[in-house]
Amino acid sequence: MILLRTHIGQTLRAARVAQGRTLRDVAKSARVSLGYLSEVERGQKEASSELLNAICVALEISLGEVLSGVASQVASLEAPQLTVVEDAA
């Protein structure tokens, strides 16, 4: 099962880590509790659009960039997986 919150969280965490920023720093900038941001990053909480936007602003990335990346991840997971079956002659 594909959960958007998992992919959104992974994308946000990757952006934060790439910037070398701490959870505390981003949580403070986004005006959200450190614990809640951690749960969002781990895919345990589904952020509202307002909260997601605040986190993106704090990370200085666009919401569109996050959603586009998530859409690409989901599309690749939904792609049919082909398996080569050898003929047992």
PDB file of N, CA and C in Angstrom:
ATOM      1  N   MET A   1       0.843  -1.168   0.000  1.00  0.00           N
ATOM      2  CA  MET A   1       0.000   0.000   0.000  1.00  0.00           C
ATOM      3  C   MET A   1       0.901   1.247   0.000  1.00  0.00           C
ATOM      4  N   ILE A   2       0.535   2.208  -0.824  1.00  0.00           N
ATOM      5  CA  ILE A   2       1.293   3.450  -0.929  1.00  0.00           C
ATOM      6  C   ILE A   2       0.642   4.498  -0.027  1.00  0.00           C
ATOM      7  N   LEU A   3       1.428   5.054   0.886  1.00  0.00           N
ATOM      8  CA  LEU A   3       0.943   6.121   1.755  1.00  0.00           C
ATOM      9  C   LEU A   3       1.652   7.415   1.381  1.00  0.00           C
ATOM     10  N   LEU A   4       0.882   8.412   0.980  1.00  0.00           N
ATOM     11  CA  LEU A   4       1.473   9.692   0.599  1.00  0.00           C
ATOM     12  C   LEU A   4       2.255  10.307   1.751  1.00  0.00           C
ATOM     13  N   ARG A   5       1.745  10.158   2.969  1.00  0.00           N
ATOM     14  CA  ARG A   5       2.418  10.790   4.106  1.00  0.00           C
ATOM     15  C   ARG A   5       3.833  10.255   4.289  1.00  0.00           C
ATOM     16  N   THR A   6       4.056   8.999   3.955  1.00  0.00           N
ATOM     17  CA  THR A   6       5.390   8.413   4.058  1.00  0.00           C
ATOM     18  C   THR A   6       6.343   9.068   3.064  1.00  0.00           C
ATOM     19  N   HIS A   7       5.891   9.214   1.834  1.00  0.00           N
ATOM     20  CA  HIS A   7       6.732   9.800   0.792  1.00  0.00           C
ATOM     21  C   HIS A   7       6.941  11.300   1.012  1.00  0.00           C
ATOM     22  N   ILE A   8       5.921  11.983   1.480  1.00  0.00           N
ATOM     23  CA  ILE A   8       6.063  13.407   1.799  1.00  0.00           C
ATOM     24  C   ILE A   8       7.083  13.575   2.918  1.00  0.00           C
ATOM     25  N   GLY A   9       6.967  12.768   3.953  1.00  0.00           N
ATOM     26  CA  GLY A   9       7.907  12.837   5.069  1.00  0.00           C
ATOM     27  C   GLY A   9       9.335  12.569   4.643  1.00  0.00           C
ATOM     28  N   GLN A  10       9.532  11.563   3.806  1.00  0.00           N
ATOM     29  CA  GLN A  10      10.876  11.233   3.326  1.00  0.00           C
ATOM     30  C   GLN A  10      11.457  12.381   2.508  1.00  0.00           C
ATOM     31  N   THR A  11      10.612  13.007   1.705  1.00  0.00           N
ATOM     32  CA  THR A  11      11.060  14.126   0.876  1.00  0.00           C
ATOM     33  C   THR A  11      11.447  15.326   1.733  1.00  0.00           C
ATOM     34  N   LEU A  12      10.631  15.622   2.742  1.00  0.00           N
ATOM     35  CA  LEU A  12      10.938  16.736   3.639  1.00  0.00           C
ATOM     36  C   LEU A  12      12.221  16.471   4.426  1.00  0.00           C
ATOM     37  N   ARG A  13      12.370  15.256   4.928  1.00  0.00           N
ATOM     38  CA  ARG A  13      13.578  14.914   5.684  1.00  0.00           C
ATOM     39  C   ARG A  13      14.815  15.014   4.800  1.00  0.00           C
ATOM     40  N   ALA A  14      14.719  14.510   3.576  1.00  0.00           N
ATOM     41  CA  ALA A  14      15.869  14.575   2.659  1.00  0.00           C
ATOM     42  C   ALA A  14      16.271  16.026   2.401  1.00  0.00           C
ATOM     43  N   ALA A  15      15.292  16.911   2.241  1.00  0.00           N
ATOM     44  CA  ALA A  15      15.589  18.332   2.018  1.00  0.00           C
ATOM     45  C   ALA A  15      16.260  18.940   3.248  1.00  0.00           C
ATOM     46  N   ARG A  16      15.744  18.616   4.419  1.00  0.00           N
ATOM     47  CA  ARG A  16      16.319  19.153   5.660  1.00  0.00           C
ATOM     48  C   ARG A  16      17.749  18.673   5.862  1.00  0.00           C
ATOM     49  N   VAL A  17      17.976  17.382   5.670  1.00  0.00           N
ATOM     50  CA  VAL A  17      19.311  16.798   5.858  1.00  0.00           C
ATOM     51  C   VAL A  17      20.281  17.368   4.824  1.00  0.00           C
ATOM     52  N   ALA A  18      19.824  17.530   3.582  1.00  0.00           N
ATOM     53  CA  ALA A  18      20.679  18.084   2.527  1.00  0.00           C
ATOM     54  C   ALA A  18      21.119  19.507   2.867  1.00  0.00           C
ATOM     55  N   GLN A  19      20.285  20.221   3.606  1.00  0.00           N
ATOM     56  CA  GLN A  19      20.613  21.588   4.020  1.00  0.00           C
ATOM     57  C   GLN A  19      21.453  21.610   5.302  1.00  0.00           C
ATOM     58  N   GLY A  20      21.643  20.455   5.913  1.00  0.00           N
ATOM     59  CA  GLY A  20      22.414  20.367   7.147  1.00  0.00           C
ATOM     60  C   GLY A  20      21.701  21.020   8.326  1.00  0.00           C
ATOM     61  N   ARG A  21      20.383  20.996   8.302  1.00  0.00           N
ATOM     62  CA  ARG A  21      19.605  21.642   9.364  1.00  0.00           C
ATOM     63  C   ARG A  21      19.041  20.611  10.326  1.00  0.00           C
ATOM     64  N   THR A  22      18.786  21.045  11.535  1.00  0.00           N
ATOM     65  CA  THR A  22      18.239  20.160  12.558  1.00  0.00           C
ATOM     66  C   THR A  22      16.712  20.232  12.555  1.00  0.00           C
ATOM     67  N   LEU A  23      16.116  19.207  13.142  1.00  0.00           N
ATOM     68  CA  LEU A  23      14.657  19.223  13.331  1.00  0.00           C
ATOM     69  C   LEU A  23      14.249  20.459  14.130  1.00  0.00           C
ATOM     70  N   ARG A  24      15.006  20.747  15.164  1.00  0.00           N
ATOM     71  CA  ARG A  24      14.689  21.887  16.034  1.00  0.00           C
ATOM     72  C   ARG A  24      14.663  23.197  15.242  1.00  0.00           C
ATOM     73  N   ASP A  25      15.654  23.393  14.395  1.00  0.00           N
ATOM     74  CA  ASP A  25      15.746  24.615  13.602  1.00  0.00           C
ATOM     75  C   ASP A  25      14.549  24.762  12.664  1.00  0.00           C
ATOM     76  N   VAL A  26      14.232  23.694  11.943  1.00  0.00           N
ATOM     77  CA  VAL A  26      13.121  23.750  10.983  1.00  0.00           C
ATOM     78  C   VAL A  26      11.787  23.881  11.712  1.00  0.00           C
ATOM     79  N   ALA A  27      11.631  23.166  12.806  1.00  0.00           N
ATOM     80  CA  ALA A  27      10.385  23.248  13.582  1.00  0.00           C
ATOM     81  C   ALA A  27      10.162  24.674  14.073  1.00  0.00           C
ATOM     82  N   LYS A  28      11.226  25.299  14.546  1.00  0.00           N
ATOM     83  CA  LYS A  28      11.112  26.683  15.032  1.00  0.00           C
ATOM     84  C   LYS A  28      10.725  27.618  13.894  1.00  0.00           C
ATOM     85  N   SER A  29      11.365  27.470  12.740  1.00  0.00           N
ATOM     86  CA  SER A  29      11.062  28.318  11.585  1.00  0.00           C
ATOM     87  C   SER A  29       9.637  28.109  11.077  1.00  0.00           C
ATOM     88  N   ALA A  30       9.171  26.874  11.133  1.00  0.00           N
ATOM     89  CA  ALA A  30       7.828  26.546  10.642  1.00  0.00           C
ATOM     90  C   ALA A  30       6.750  26.793  11.696  1.00  0.00           C
ATOM     91  N   ARG A  31       7.183  27.082  12.927  1.00  0.00           N
ATOM     92  CA  ARG A  31       6.256  27.301  14.052  1.00  0.00           C
ATOM     93  C   ARG A  31       5.382  26.069  14.316  1.00  0.00           C
ATOM     94  N   VAL A  32       6.078  24.940  14.391  1.00  0.00           N
ATOM     95  CA  VAL A  32       5.432  23.665  14.689  1.00  0.00           C
ATOM     96  C   VAL A  32       6.298  22.973  15.739  1.00  0.00           C
ATOM     97  N   SER A  33       5.698  22.112  16.541  1.00  0.00           N
ATOM     98  CA  SER A  33       6.488  21.441  17.571  1.00  0.00           C
ATOM     99  C   SER A  33       7.488  20.479  16.935  1.00  0.00           C
ATOM    100  N   LEU A  34       8.626  20.335  17.608  1.00  0.00           N
ATOM    101  CA  LEU A  34       9.661  19.439  17.134  1.00  0.00           C
ATOM    102  C   LEU A  34       9.126  18.010  17.001  1.00  0.00           C
ATOM    103  N   GLY A  35       8.353  17.574  17.990  1.00  0.00           N
ATOM    104  CA  GLY A  35       7.800  16.224  17.961  1.00  0.00           C
ATOM    105  C   GLY A  35       6.864  15.998  16.789  1.00  0.00           C
ATOM    106  N   TYR A  36       6.051  17.003  16.488  1.00  0.00           N
ATOM    107  CA  TYR A  36       5.109  16.859  15.378  1.00  0.00           C
ATOM    108  C   TYR A  36       5.856  16.809  14.052  1.00  0.00           C
ATOM    109  N   LEU A  37       6.858  17.678  13.883  1.00  0.00           N
ATOM    110  CA  LEU A  37       7.645  17.653  12.650  1.00  0.00           C
ATOM    111  C   LEU A  37       8.333  16.302  12.493  1.00  0.00           C
ATOM    112  N   SER A  38       8.840  15.765  13.573  1.00  0.00           N
ATOM    113  CA  SER A  38       9.474  14.453  13.524  1.00  0.00           C
ATOM    114  C   SER A  38       8.489  13.385  13.059  1.00  0.00           C
ATOM    115  N   GLU A  39       7.265  13.445  13.580  1.00  0.00           N
ATOM    116  CA  GLU A  39       6.243  12.469  13.172  1.00  0.00           C
ATOM    117  C   GLU A  39       5.869  12.634  11.705  1.00  0.00           C
ATOM    118  N   VAL A  40       5.830  13.872  11.227  1.00  0.00           N
ATOM    119  CA  VAL A  40       5.539  14.113   9.804  1.00  0.00           C
ATOM    120  C   VAL A  40       6.652  13.514   8.957  1.00  0.00           C
ATOM    121  N   GLU A  41       7.903  13.768   9.329  1.00  0.00           N
ATOM    122  CA  GLU A  41       9.040  13.233   8.573  1.00  0.00           C
ATOM    123  C   GLU A  41       9.057  11.713   8.563  1.00  0.00           C
ATOM    124  N   ARG A  42       8.619  11.098   9.642  1.00  0.00           N
ATOM    125  CA  ARG A  42       8.605   9.626   9.719  1.00  0.00           C
ATOM    126  C   ARG A  42       7.345   9.022   9.103  1.00  0.00           C
ATOM    127  N   GLY A  43       6.458   9.865   8.589  1.00  0.00           N
ATOM    128  CA  GLY A  43       5.238   9.373   7.945  1.00  0.00           C
ATOM    129  C   GLY A  43       4.195   8.903   8.929  1.00  0.00           C
ATOM    130  N   GLN A  44       4.297   9.314  10.189  1.00  0.00           N
ATOM    131  CA  GLN A  44       3.331   8.897  11.201  1.00  0.00           C
ATOM    132  C   GLN A  44       2.156   9.853  11.316  1.00  0.00           C
ATOM    133  N   LYS A  45       2.359  11.089  10.872  1.00  0.00           N
ATOM    134  CA  LYS A  45       1.288  12.087  10.881  1.00  0.00           C
ATOM    135  C   LYS A  45       1.128  12.638   9.478  1.00  0.00           C
ATOM    136  N   GLU A  46      -0.110  12.906   9.107  1.00  0.00           N
ATOM    137  CA  GLU A  46      -0.394  13.496   7.805  1.00  0.00           C
ATOM    138  C   GLU A  46      -0.586  14.998   8.006  1.00  0.00           C
ATOM    139  N   ALA A  47       0.324  15.768   7.464  1.00  0.00           N
ATOM    140  CA  ALA A  47       0.303  17.217   7.653  1.00  0.00           C
ATOM    141  C   ALA A  47      -0.819  17.853   6.844  1.00  0.00           C
ATOM    142  N   SER A  48      -1.459  18.856   7.430  1.00  0.00           N
ATOM    143  CA  SER A  48      -2.454  19.631   6.691  1.00  0.00           C
ATOM    144  C   SER A  48      -1.730  20.441   5.614  1.00  0.00           C
ATOM    145  N   SER A  49      -2.477  20.959   4.664  1.00  0.00           N
ATOM    146  CA  SER A  49      -1.854  21.752   3.605  1.00  0.00           C
ATOM    147  C   SER A  49      -1.188  22.999   4.179  1.00  0.00           C
ATOM    148  N   GLU A  50      -1.787  23.596   5.213  1.00  0.00           N
ATOM    149  CA  GLU A  50      -1.196  24.780   5.839  1.00  0.00           C
ATOM    150  C   GLU A  50       0.137  24.439   6.505  1.00  0.00           C
ATOM    151  N   LEU A  51       0.163  23.326   7.226  1.00  0.00           N
ATOM    152  CA  LEU A  51       1.390  22.912   7.908  1.00  0.00           C
ATOM    153  C   LEU A  51       2.459  22.523   6.894  1.00  0.00           C
ATOM    154  N   LEU A  52       2.067  21.799   5.871  1.00  0.00           N
ATOM    155  CA  LEU A  52       3.013  21.392   4.837  1.00  0.00           C
ATOM    156  C   LEU A  52       3.622  22.623   4.173  1.00  0.00           C
ATOM    157  N   ASN A  53       2.800  23.618   3.909  1.00  0.00           N
ATOM    158  CA  ASN A  53       3.308  24.854   3.315  1.00  0.00           C
ATOM    159  C   ASN A  53       4.279  25.554   4.264  1.00  0.00           C
ATOM    160  N   ALA A  54       3.964  25.600   5.550  1.00  0.00           N
ATOM    161  CA  ALA A  54       4.846  26.239   6.535  1.00  0.00           C
ATOM    162  C   ALA A  54       6.201  25.527   6.596  1.00  0.00           C
ATOM    163  N   ILE A  55       6.188  24.221   6.526  1.00  0.00           N
ATOM    164  CA  ILE A  55       7.441  23.455   6.551  1.00  0.00           C
ATOM    165  C   ILE A  55       8.252  23.740   5.288  1.00  0.00           C
ATOM    166  N   CYS A  56       7.574  23.794   4.144  1.00  0.00           N
ATOM    167  CA  CYS A  56       8.264  24.094   2.889  1.00  0.00           C
ATOM    168  C   CYS A  56       8.886  25.487   2.924  1.00  0.00           C
ATOM    169  N   VAL A  57       8.147  26.455   3.448  1.00  0.00           N
ATOM    170  CA  VAL A  57       8.682  27.823   3.565  1.00  0.00           C
ATOM    171  C   VAL A  57       9.912  27.811   4.478  1.00  0.00           C
ATOM    172  N   ALA A  58       9.828  27.093   5.587  1.00  0.00           N
ATOM    173  CA  ALA A  58      10.963  27.004   6.512  1.00  0.00           C
ATOM    174  C   ALA A  58      12.181  26.364   5.846  1.00  0.00           C
ATOM    175  N   LEU A  59      11.930  25.416   4.959  1.00  0.00           N
ATOM    176  CA  LEU A  59      13.021  24.734   4.251  1.00  0.00           C
ATOM    177  C   LEU A  59      13.447  25.474   2.980  1.00  0.00           C
ATOM    178  N   GLU A  60      12.707  26.540   2.657  1.00  0.00           N
ATOM    179  CA  GLU A  60      12.975  27.324   1.448  1.00  0.00           C
ATOM    180  C   GLU A  60      12.907  26.469   0.184  1.00  0.00           C
ATOM    181  N   ILE A  61      11.903  25.604   0.145  1.00  0.00           N
ATOM    182  CA  ILE A  61      11.605  24.815  -1.051  1.00  0.00           C
ATOM    183  C   ILE A  61      10.135  25.033  -1.381  1.00  0.00           C
ATOM    184  N   SER A  62       9.771  24.825  -2.628  1.00  0.00           N
ATOM    185  CA  SER A  62       8.378  25.048  -2.997  1.00  0.00           C
ATOM    186  C   SER A  62       7.539  23.805  -2.710  1.00  0.00           C
ATOM    187  N   LEU A  63       6.291  24.057  -2.396  1.00  0.00           N
ATOM    188  CA  LEU A  63       5.351  22.957  -2.187  1.00  0.00           C
ATOM    189  C   LEU A  63       5.233  22.133  -3.464  1.00  0.00           C
ATOM    190  N   GLY A  64       5.253  22.814  -4.606  1.00  0.00           N
ATOM    191  CA  GLY A  64       5.185  22.117  -5.893  1.00  0.00           C
ATOM    192  C   GLY A  64       6.343  21.161  -6.099  1.00  0.00           C
ATOM    193  N   GLU A  65       7.529  21.579  -5.660  1.00  0.00           N
ATOM    194  CA  GLU A  65       8.723  20.733  -5.771  1.00  0.00           C
ATOM    195  C   GLU A  65       8.555  19.460  -4.944  1.00  0.00           C
ATOM    196  N   VAL A  66       8.032  19.609  -3.737  1.00  0.00           N
ATOM    197  CA  VAL A  66       7.809  18.454  -2.864  1.00  0.00           C
ATOM    198  C   VAL A  66       6.777  17.522  -3.485  1.00  0.00           C
ATOM    199  N   LEU A  67       5.655  18.092  -3.900  1.00  0.00           N
ATOM    200  CA  LEU A  67       4.578  17.264  -4.453  1.00  0.00           C
ATOM    201  C   LEU A  67       4.983  16.608  -5.770  1.00  0.00           C
ATOM    202  N   SER A  68       5.766  17.297  -6.564  1.00  0.00           N
ATOM    203  CA  SER A  68       6.255  16.726  -7.817  1.00  0.00           C
ATOM    204  C   SER A  68       7.171  15.533  -7.553  1.00  0.00           C
ATOM    205  N   GLY A  69       8.060  15.687  -6.585  1.00  0.00           N
ATOM    206  CA  GLY A  69       8.946  14.582  -6.225  1.00  0.00           C
ATOM    207  C   GLY A  69       8.188  13.384  -5.694  1.00  0.00           C
ATOM    208  N   VAL A  70       7.187  13.651  -4.878  1.00  0.00           N
ATOM    209  CA  VAL A  70       6.357  12.573  -4.328  1.00  0.00           C
ATOM    210  C   VAL A  70       5.582  11.885  -5.452  1.00  0.00           C
ATOM    211  N   ALA A  71       5.052  12.673  -6.381  1.00  0.00           N
ATOM    212  CA  ALA A  71       4.304  12.094  -7.505  1.00  0.00           C
ATOM    213  C   ALA A  71       5.194  11.162  -8.324  1.00  0.00           C
ATOM    214  N   SER A  72       6.446  11.553  -8.536  1.00  0.00           N
ATOM    215  CA  SER A  72       7.384  10.707  -9.282  1.00  0.00           C
ATOM    216  C   SER A  72       7.657   9.402  -8.538  1.00  0.00           C
ATOM    217  N   GLN A  73       7.833   9.497  -7.214  1.00  0.00           N
ATOM    218  CA  GLN A  73       8.069   8.295  -6.409  1.00  0.00           C
ATOM    219  C   GLN A  73       6.883   7.341  -6.493  1.00  0.00           C
ATOM    220  N   VAL A  74       5.692   7.878  -6.348  1.00  0.00           N
ATOM    221  CA  VAL A  74       4.488   7.055  -6.376  1.00  0.00           C
ATOM    222  C   VAL A  74       4.301   6.424  -7.759  1.00  0.00           C
ATOM    223  N   ALA A  75       4.535   7.200  -8.804  1.00  0.00           N
ATOM    224  CA  ALA A  75       4.395   6.668 -10.167  1.00  0.00           C
ATOM    225  C   ALA A  75       5.347   5.505 -10.401  1.00  0.00           C
ATOM    226  N   SER A  76       6.568   5.617  -9.879  1.00  0.00           N
ATOM    227  CA  SER A  76       7.524   4.518 -10.085  1.00  0.00           C
ATOM    228  C   SER A  76       7.112   3.277  -9.309  1.00  0.00           C
ATOM    229  N   LEU A  77       6.474   3.466  -8.166  1.00  0.00           N
ATOM    230  CA  LEU A  77       6.013   2.314  -7.385  1.00  0.00           C
ATOM    231  C   LEU A  77       4.797   1.649  -8.023  1.00  0.00           C
ATOM    232  N   GLU A  78       4.016   2.445  -8.745  1.00  0.00           N
ATOM    233  CA  GLU A  78       2.814   1.907  -9.388  1.00  0.00           C
ATOM    234  C   GLU A  78       3.103   1.256 -10.728  1.00  0.00           C
ATOM    235  N   ALA A  79       4.276   1.512 -11.284  1.00  0.00           N
ATOM    236  CA  ALA A  79       4.617   0.953 -12.595  1.00  0.00           C
ATOM    237  C   ALA A  79       4.606  -0.567 -12.523  1.00  0.00           C
ATOM    238  N   PRO A  80       4.078  -1.196 -13.549  1.00  0.00           N
ATOM    239  CA  PRO A  80       4.042  -2.664 -13.530  1.00  0.00           C
ATOM    240  C   PRO A  80       5.457  -3.244 -13.524  1.00  0.00           C
ATOM    241  N   GLN A  81       5.638  -4.261 -12.733  1.00  0.00           N
ATOM    242  CA  GLN A  81       6.924  -4.942 -12.644  1.00  0.00           C
ATOM    243  C   GLN A  81       6.867  -6.190 -13.526  1.00  0.00           C
ATOM    244  N   LEU A  82       7.722  -6.219 -14.521  1.00  0.00           N
ATOM    245  CA  LEU A  82       7.741  -7.350 -15.443  1.00  0.00           C
ATOM    246  C   LEU A  82       8.749  -8.383 -14.960  1.00  0.00           C
ATOM    247  N   THR A  83       8.366  -9.624 -15.056  1.00  0.00           N
ATOM    248  CA  THR A  83       9.227 -10.725 -14.631  1.00  0.00           C
ATOM    249  C   THR A  83       9.449 -11.649 -15.824  1.00  0.00           C
ATOM    250  N   VAL A  84      10.706 -12.000 -16.040  1.00  0.00           N
ATOM    251  CA  VAL A  84      11.025 -12.933 -17.115  1.00  0.00           C
ATOM    252  C   VAL A  84      10.857 -14.343 -16.577  1.00  0.00           C
ATOM    253  N   VAL A  85      10.039 -15.124 -17.239  1.00  0.00           N
ATOM    254  CA  VAL A  85       9.804 -16.504 -16.841  1.00  0.00           C
ATOM    255  C   VAL A  85      10.429 -17.403 -17.896  1.00  0.00           C
ATOM    256  N   GLU A  86      11.300 -18.259 -17.462  1.00  0.00           N
ATOM    257  CA  GLU A  86      11.954 -19.159 -18.393  1.00  0.00           C
ATOM    258  C   GLU A  86      11.022 -20.316 -18.718  1.00  0.00           C
ATOM    259  N   ASP A  87      11.045 -20.725 -19.969  1.00  0.00           N
ATOM    260  CA  ASP A  87      10.222 -21.846 -20.422  1.00  0.00           C
ATOM    261  C   ASP A  87      10.827 -23.142 -19.918  1.00  0.00           C
ATOM    262  N   ALA A  88      10.047 -23.896 -19.159  1.00  0.00           N
ATOM    263  CA  ALA A  88      10.522 -25.165 -18.587  1.00  0.00           C
ATOM    264  C   ALA A  88      10.273 -26.284 -19.586  1.00  0.00           C
ATOM    265  N   ALA A  89      11.134 -26.367 -20.603  1.00  0.00           N
ATOM    266  CA  ALA A  89      10.939 -27.355 -21.664  1.00  0.00           C
ATOM    267  C   ALA A  89      11.511 -28.695 -21.345  1.00  0.00           C
TER     268      ALA A  89
END
